[in-house]
Amino acid sequence: MIVGDKTQEILDTFRKELKSKRTLFLAPVDSIISRIIYFYIFDVLKNETTRTVVWLCLKEQREQVLKKFEEYGLDVEGFKKMMWFVDLKIPEEPQENTLYCTSQTDYTKMASHIANLFADHPGSLLVIEDMNVLAGDNLQVVESFIQIVEKKVTENEGSIVSTLGKGILPPEKEALIKSFFDVIIDITSGEMHTEIGLKVLDIYYEIKESGISLKYIEKRVKRERLKILFVDDEPDIPELAKISLSREPYDLIAAYSGKQAVEIALKELPDLIFLDIMMPDMDGYEVVEELKKSKNAVDIPIIMVSAKSEVEDKLKGMELGIDDYVTKPFDMRELSARIKMVMKRYGWTGAK
């Protein structure tokens, strides 16, 4: 259930809760992350006028960053004195409030500039524009750089915010990058999920020409046992899942085709659906599209299961609004862990 427009209230919560944190905006489409991060930074500039924003220009140069604010309808002209840039390309005429490095891999100079800026402006917010750019280098070098920066930022009571495109890096690299941050704001098509301390926030977002619209989503599964629909055209797989997960607080029901999955889902309204993509009559994507048409089934969380591992297939599912993706062959322990991870977002705490 989506509850009213709460844009400013949610942005206020972000500013307050993330002020001393290292925060990562994680999404499958980098253009979405870009817009959201710009709206967030603009809100900080507008509402915390004693705070400095330090922007590490890994992907865009200073002038391109300022131009993007303008393209998104955000007027930062009056806030430029609150902004410092660490740019990677020296122009013919140096710009105001800008320090320069010789290249994207000039980590010593970047770290030195950031350390000096935070010493001069305690409590600042560091924007590391795109972690995918950093992760293209040797991860040991990147890890050392981030640890140095983190130490200097923390010593001066500052915070860090960055972005990462989901599914672009190899899984082990993505996991390492995520481990650098205190808070992950996980973005899927139209929704954000994050846990900040004891707070769990599920938020619906809509990008508009005039800005961004944010609303809370109330996600609550109150029963102790979960009703899970397992969809696969190979009957042995749902049966194996029933046996392997029999000690967990799950009641599994099965469907063996796409059409049957839609019929059972609309009738039983399960708490979660494990959905195979490759089926002969109606594939998993078509099943999701059908369920999203139903007011009763539109919010059922879905974990897609497939032998396909290409990024394009994962992105297609994410764009349809699925909650997670598992690649075959899989371990039943992994499935159970993913069930708990996804359902925690919906307020499920498990059997008492």
Protein backbone atom coordinates (compact mmCIF):
# COMPACT_ATOMS: atom_id res chain seq x y z
CA MET A 1 0.00 0.00 0.00
CA ILE A 2 1.41 3.39 -1.05
CA VAL A 3 0.80 6.14 1.50
CA GLY A 4 0.48 9.79 0.34
CA ASP A 5 3.17 12.11 -1.01
CA LYS A 6 5.90 12.48 1.61
CA THR A 7 8.72 13.88 -0.55
CA GLN A 8 10.08 16.49 1.82
CA GLU A 9 9.56 14.35 4.91
CA ILE A 10 11.55 11.49 3.33
CA LEU A 11 14.32 13.82 2.14
CA ASP A 12 14.48 15.31 5.65
CA THR A 13 14.83 11.78 7.04
CA PHE A 14 17.63 11.00 4.61
CA ARG A 15 19.50 14.20 5.51
CA LYS A 16 19.20 13.53 9.23
CA GLU A 17 19.91 9.79 9.22
CA LEU A 18 22.70 9.81 6.61
CA LYS A 19 24.60 12.81 7.96
CA SER A 20 27.37 10.74 9.56
CA LYS A 21 27.06 7.65 7.34
CA ARG A 22 28.71 6.21 4.24
CA THR A 23 25.78 5.71 1.87
CA LEU A 24 25.56 3.86 -1.45
CA PHE A 25 22.70 4.32 -3.92
CA LEU A 26 22.48 0.97 -5.75
CA ALA A 27 20.33 0.62 -8.88
CA PRO A 28 20.25 -1.31 -12.17
CA VAL A 29 20.04 1.81 -14.34
CA ASP A 30 22.67 4.47 -13.72
CA SER A 31 20.54 7.30 -15.15
CA ILE A 32 18.02 6.70 -12.34
CA ILE A 33 20.76 6.82 -9.72
CA SER A 34 22.13 9.99 -11.30
CA ARG A 35 18.83 11.84 -11.04
CA ILE A 36 18.14 10.70 -7.49
CA ILE A 37 21.63 11.60 -6.25
CA TYR A 38 21.37 15.08 -7.77
CA PHE A 39 17.97 15.65 -6.12
CA TYR A 40 19.40 14.48 -2.78
CA ILE A 41 22.49 16.71 -3.00
CA PHE A 42 20.37 19.70 -4.01
CA ASP A 43 18.18 19.14 -0.94
CA VAL A 44 21.29 19.13 1.26
CA LEU A 45 22.54 22.37 -0.31
CA LYS A 46 19.14 24.02 0.07
CA ASN A 47 18.49 23.00 3.68
CA GLU A 48 21.94 22.78 5.30
CA THR A 49 23.52 26.07 4.31
CA THR A 50 26.49 25.71 6.69
CA ARG A 51 27.53 22.41 5.14
CA THR A 52 30.00 21.99 2.27
CA VAL A 53 29.61 19.45 -0.53
CA VAL A 54 32.86 18.03 -1.92
CA TRP A 55 32.31 16.43 -5.34
CA LEU A 56 34.89 13.93 -6.66
CA CYS A 57 34.44 14.15 -10.43
CA LEU A 58 35.19 10.60 -11.56
CA LYS A 59 32.75 10.49 -14.48
CA GLU A 60 31.77 14.07 -15.27
CA GLN A 61 33.90 17.22 -15.10
CA ARG A 62 32.88 20.14 -12.90
CA GLU A 63 31.05 22.01 -15.65
CA GLN A 64 29.18 18.86 -16.69
CA VAL A 65 28.06 18.28 -13.09
CA LEU A 66 26.74 21.83 -12.83
CA LYS A 67 25.03 21.44 -16.21
CA LYS A 68 23.27 18.29 -15.01
CA PHE A 69 21.82 20.14 -12.04
CA GLU A 70 20.45 22.64 -14.54
CA GLU A 71 19.07 19.88 -16.82
CA TYR A 72 17.23 18.37 -13.86
CA GLY A 73 15.64 21.73 -13.06
CA LEU A 74 17.80 22.32 -9.96
CA ASP A 75 19.15 25.86 -9.61
CA VAL A 76 22.48 25.69 -7.72
CA GLU A 77 23.70 29.14 -8.79
CA GLY A 78 23.26 30.46 -5.26
CA PHE A 79 24.97 27.45 -3.69
CA LYS A 80 28.23 27.33 -5.70
CA LYS A 81 30.23 28.75 -2.78
CA MET A 82 29.13 25.71 -0.75
CA MET A 83 30.53 23.33 -3.37
CA TRP A 84 34.10 22.18 -3.94
CA PHE A 85 35.18 19.95 -6.80
CA VAL A 86 38.10 17.58 -7.19
CA ASP A 87 38.39 17.38 -10.97
CA LEU A 88 40.49 15.01 -13.04
CA LYS A 89 41.21 17.30 -15.98
CA ILE A 90 42.92 20.67 -15.73
CA PRO A 91 41.21 23.27 -17.99
CA GLU A 92 42.93 26.20 -19.66
CA GLU A 93 41.48 28.46 -16.97
CA PRO A 94 41.18 26.95 -13.46
CA GLN A 95 37.69 27.20 -11.99
CA GLU A 96 36.61 28.62 -8.64
CA ASN A 97 36.47 26.15 -5.70
CA THR A 98 38.12 23.42 -7.77
CA LEU A 99 41.25 21.33 -7.15
CA TYR A 100 42.79 19.21 -9.87
CA CYS A 101 44.45 15.82 -10.38
CA THR A 102 46.38 14.57 -13.38
CA SER A 103 44.32 11.41 -14.01
CA GLN A 104 41.61 9.06 -12.77
CA THR A 105 44.30 6.93 -11.08
CA ASP A 106 46.03 9.79 -9.28
CA TYR A 107 44.78 8.44 -5.95
CA THR A 108 47.47 10.11 -3.83
CA LYS A 109 46.52 13.59 -5.08
CA MET A 110 42.78 12.86 -4.83
CA ALA A 111 43.13 11.65 -1.23
CA SER A 112 45.30 14.67 -0.35
CA HIS A 113 42.80 17.16 -1.81
CA ILE A 114 39.89 15.49 0.02
CA ALA A 115 41.80 15.38 3.32
CA ASN A 116 42.65 19.10 3.08
CA LEU A 117 39.10 20.10 2.16
CA PHE A 118 37.61 18.18 5.08
CA ALA A 119 40.19 19.65 7.46
CA ASP A 120 39.14 23.13 6.27
CA HIS A 121 35.41 22.30 6.15
CA PRO A 122 34.50 19.82 8.94
CA GLY A 123 31.15 18.06 8.61
CA SER A 124 31.23 18.15 4.80
CA LEU A 125 29.53 15.66 2.49
CA LEU A 126 31.79 13.84 0.03
CA VAL A 127 30.16 12.75 -3.25
CA ILE A 128 32.12 9.94 -4.92
CA GLU A 129 30.31 10.23 -8.21
CA ASP A 130 30.41 6.66 -9.57
CA MET A 131 31.92 3.62 -7.84
CA ASN A 132 31.80 1.67 -11.11
CA VAL A 133 34.53 3.95 -12.44
CA LEU A 134 36.77 3.33 -9.41
CA ALA A 135 36.09 -0.41 -9.45
CA GLY A 136 37.57 -0.65 -12.93
CA ASP A 137 41.01 -0.35 -11.33
CA ASN A 138 42.86 -2.80 -9.08
CA LEU A 139 40.58 -3.34 -6.11
CA GLN A 140 43.41 -3.44 -3.58
CA VAL A 141 44.47 0.03 -4.70
CA VAL A 142 40.87 1.24 -4.64
CA GLU A 143 40.30 -0.29 -1.19
CA SER A 144 43.39 1.49 0.20
CA PHE A 145 42.22 4.79 -1.31
CA ILE A 146 38.73 4.47 0.16
CA GLN A 147 40.11 3.53 3.58
CA ILE A 148 42.32 6.64 3.61
CA VAL A 149 39.44 8.86 2.48
CA GLU A 150 37.05 7.27 4.99
CA LYS A 151 39.53 7.91 7.83
CA LYS A 152 39.93 11.60 6.91
CA VAL A 153 36.19 12.11 6.44
CA THR A 154 35.38 10.40 9.76
CA GLU A 155 38.03 12.38 11.65
CA ASN A 156 36.33 15.56 10.45
CA GLU A 157 32.76 14.38 11.22
CA GLY A 158 31.80 14.19 7.57
CA SER A 159 29.84 11.72 5.46
CA ILE A 160 30.11 10.01 2.08
CA VAL A 161 27.55 9.27 -0.59
CA SER A 162 28.15 7.36 -3.81
CA THR A 163 26.41 5.39 -6.56
CA LEU A 164 26.86 1.93 -8.05
CA GLY A 165 25.17 0.37 -11.07
CA LYS A 166 23.70 -2.96 -10.02
CA GLY A 167 24.83 -6.01 -12.02
CA ILE A 168 27.57 -4.20 -13.95
CA LEU A 169 30.51 -5.51 -11.92
CA PRO A 170 31.31 -9.18 -11.26
CA PRO A 171 29.48 -10.33 -8.08
CA GLU A 172 32.64 -10.46 -5.95
CA LYS A 173 33.60 -6.90 -6.92
CA GLU A 174 30.08 -5.59 -6.29
CA ALA A 175 30.06 -7.26 -2.86
CA LEU A 176 33.42 -5.70 -1.96
CA ILE A 177 32.32 -2.22 -3.02
CA LYS A 178 29.10 -2.55 -1.02
CA SER A 179 31.11 -3.59 2.06
CA PHE A 180 32.67 -0.10 2.19
CA PHE A 181 29.30 1.49 3.07
CA ASP A 182 27.14 1.68 6.21
CA VAL A 183 23.84 2.17 4.37
CA ILE A 184 22.72 0.69 1.05
CA ILE A 185 19.73 2.34 -0.63
CA ASP A 186 18.59 -0.45 -2.96
CA ILE A 187 16.67 0.93 -5.93
CA THR A 188 14.47 -1.12 -8.24
CA SER A 189 11.92 0.04 -10.78
CA GLY A 190 9.89 2.68 -8.95
CA GLU A 191 10.96 1.68 -5.44
CA MET A 192 13.74 2.19 -2.89
CA HIS A 193 14.52 0.02 0.11
CA THR A 194 16.97 0.79 2.90
CA GLU A 195 17.69 -0.04 6.51
CA ILE A 196 19.17 2.76 8.63
CA GLY A 197 19.82 1.58 12.16
CA LEU A 198 16.51 0.20 13.39
CA LYS A 199 14.51 1.94 10.65
CA VAL A 200 13.34 0.04 7.58
CA LEU A 201 12.24 2.40 4.79
CA ASP A 202 10.31 1.26 1.72
CA ILE A 203 9.71 4.16 -0.64
CA TYR A 204 7.94 4.62 -3.96
CA TYR A 205 9.59 7.21 -6.22
CA GLU A 206 8.50 8.90 -9.40
CA ILE A 207 10.81 11.13 -11.46
CA LYS A 208 9.05 14.24 -12.75
CA GLU A 209 10.20 17.22 -14.78
CA SER A 210 9.73 19.39 -11.73
CA GLY A 211 11.62 17.07 -9.40
CA ILE A 212 11.02 13.80 -7.61
CA SER A 213 7.93 12.48 -5.84
CA LEU A 214 8.47 10.18 -2.84
CA LYS A 215 5.86 8.16 -0.98
CA TYR A 216 6.05 5.55 1.75
CA ILE A 217 5.08 1.95 0.99
CA GLU A 218 3.61 -0.04 3.85
CA LYS A 219 4.85 -3.60 3.42
CA ARG A 220 3.80 -5.96 6.16
CA VAL A 221 3.54 -9.73 6.19
CA LYS A 222 2.09 -10.56 9.60
CA ARG A 223 1.73 -14.36 9.46
CA GLU A 224 4.49 -16.47 10.99
CA ARG A 225 4.62 -18.99 8.11
CA LEU A 226 5.05 -17.90 4.52
CA LYS A 227 2.94 -19.21 1.66
CA ILE A 228 5.35 -19.55 -1.26
CA LEU A 229 4.41 -20.34 -4.86
CA PHE A 230 7.23 -22.20 -6.64
CA VAL A 231 6.89 -22.08 -10.43
CA ASP A 232 8.94 -24.37 -12.69
CA ASP A 233 8.04 -26.56 -15.67
CA GLU A 234 10.35 -29.26 -14.32
CA PRO A 235 8.23 -30.94 -11.56
CA ASP A 236 11.26 -32.33 -9.74
CA ILE A 237 12.50 -28.86 -8.78
CA PRO A 238 9.44 -27.72 -6.76
CA GLU A 239 9.30 -31.16 -5.13
CA LEU A 240 12.98 -30.94 -4.18
CA ALA A 241 12.35 -27.47 -2.75
CA LYS A 242 9.47 -28.79 -0.60
CA ILE A 243 11.73 -31.49 0.84
CA SER A 244 14.82 -29.34 1.30
CA LEU A 245 12.95 -26.44 2.92
CA SER A 246 10.58 -28.58 5.02
CA ARG A 247 12.12 -27.41 8.31
CA GLU A 248 11.70 -23.74 7.43
CA PRO A 249 8.49 -21.80 8.23
CA TYR A 250 7.36 -22.04 4.60
CA ASP A 251 4.27 -23.63 3.06
CA LEU A 252 5.15 -24.35 -0.57
CA ILE A 253 2.63 -24.69 -3.36
CA ALA A 254 3.64 -25.45 -6.94
CA ALA A 255 2.76 -24.46 -10.49
CA TYR A 256 4.25 -26.11 -13.56
CA SER A 257 3.49 -23.56 -16.28
CA GLY A 258 3.16 -19.83 -16.70
CA LYS A 259 -0.61 -19.90 -17.14
CA GLN A 260 -1.03 -22.14 -14.10
CA ALA A 261 1.21 -19.78 -12.10
CA VAL A 262 -1.04 -16.80 -12.88
CA GLU A 263 -4.21 -18.76 -11.99
CA ILE A 264 -2.82 -20.05 -8.68
CA ALA A 265 -1.25 -16.71 -7.73
CA LEU A 266 -4.54 -14.84 -8.24
CA LYS A 267 -6.45 -17.48 -6.29
CA GLU A 268 -4.01 -18.18 -3.43
CA LEU A 269 -2.31 -14.74 -3.19
CA PRO A 270 0.99 -16.18 -1.89
CA ASP A 271 3.43 -14.14 0.19
CA LEU A 272 6.24 -14.79 -2.30
CA ILE A 273 6.71 -16.31 -5.76
CA PHE A 274 9.78 -18.19 -7.00
CA LEU A 275 9.41 -17.88 -10.75
CA ASP A 276 11.32 -19.70 -13.49
CA ILE A 277 11.84 -17.58 -16.61
CA MET A 278 12.06 -20.25 -19.32
CA MET A 279 8.68 -21.99 -19.65
CA PRO A 280 7.00 -23.18 -22.86
CA ASP A 281 3.54 -21.58 -22.73
CA MET A 282 4.17 -18.24 -21.00
CA ASP A 283 7.62 -17.17 -19.85
CA GLY A 284 8.39 -15.63 -16.48
CA TYR A 285 8.42 -12.08 -17.78
CA GLU A 286 4.89 -12.52 -19.18
CA VAL A 287 3.74 -13.96 -15.84
CA VAL A 288 5.07 -10.88 -14.03
CA GLU A 289 3.34 -8.56 -16.50
CA GLU A 290 0.02 -10.37 -15.95
CA LEU A 291 0.31 -10.26 -12.15
CA LYS A 292 1.17 -6.55 -12.19
CA LYS A 293 -2.21 -5.92 -13.85
CA SER A 294 -4.03 -7.26 -10.77
CA LYS A 295 -4.62 -4.94 -7.82
CA ASN A 296 -4.50 -7.95 -5.51
CA ALA A 297 -1.28 -9.45 -6.90
CA VAL A 298 0.69 -6.37 -7.95
CA ASP A 299 2.65 -6.19 -4.66
CA ILE A 300 3.52 -9.89 -4.31
CA PRO A 301 7.34 -10.11 -4.10
CA ILE A 302 8.94 -12.18 -6.87
CA ILE A 303 12.31 -13.91 -7.06
CA MET A 304 13.14 -14.94 -10.62
CA VAL A 305 14.99 -18.20 -11.18
CA SER A 306 16.75 -18.98 -14.45
CA ALA A 307 19.68 -20.69 -16.12
CA LYS A 308 20.39 -17.36 -17.82
CA SER A 309 23.01 -15.13 -16.21
CA GLU A 310 23.31 -12.27 -18.71
CA VAL A 311 23.00 -8.75 -17.30
CA GLU A 312 20.29 -7.92 -19.88
CA ASP A 313 18.05 -10.70 -18.55
CA LYS A 314 18.49 -9.51 -14.98
CA LEU A 315 17.80 -5.90 -15.95
CA LYS A 316 14.63 -6.90 -17.80
CA GLY A 317 13.32 -8.57 -14.66
CA MET A 318 14.30 -5.62 -12.46
CA GLU A 319 12.58 -3.20 -14.82
CA LEU A 320 9.38 -5.25 -14.44
CA GLY A 321 9.64 -4.85 -10.67
CA ILE A 322 10.96 -8.20 -9.43
CA ASP A 323 12.67 -8.27 -6.04
CA ASP A 324 15.62 -10.60 -6.60
CA TYR A 325 17.22 -12.94 -9.13
CA VAL A 326 18.78 -16.40 -8.68
CA THR A 327 20.72 -18.29 -11.33
CA LYS A 328 20.49 -22.05 -11.83
CA PRO A 329 21.96 -24.31 -10.59
CA PHE A 330 21.28 -23.01 -7.08
CA ASP A 331 21.68 -24.25 -3.53
CA MET A 332 18.52 -24.55 -1.43
CA ARG A 333 20.31 -22.81 1.43
CA GLU A 334 20.82 -19.82 -0.85
CA LEU A 335 17.11 -19.83 -1.75
CA SER A 336 16.14 -19.83 1.91
CA ALA A 337 18.56 -16.97 2.63
CA ARG A 338 17.15 -14.96 -0.25
CA ILE A 339 13.58 -15.60 0.94
CA LYS A 340 14.46 -14.15 4.34
CA MET A 341 16.34 -11.22 2.80
CA VAL A 342 13.46 -10.26 0.48
CA MET A 343 10.68 -10.84 3.02
CA LYS A 344 12.46 -8.81 5.68
CA ARG A 345 11.82 -5.81 3.42
CA TYR A 346 8.10 -6.59 3.69
CA GLY A 347 8.13 -6.63 7.48
CA TRP A 348 8.28 -10.43 7.93
CA THR A 349 10.20 -11.48 11.04
CA GLY A 350 9.69 -15.26 10.78
CA ALA A 351 8.15 -17.80 13.09
CA LYS A 352 8.16 -16.96 16.82
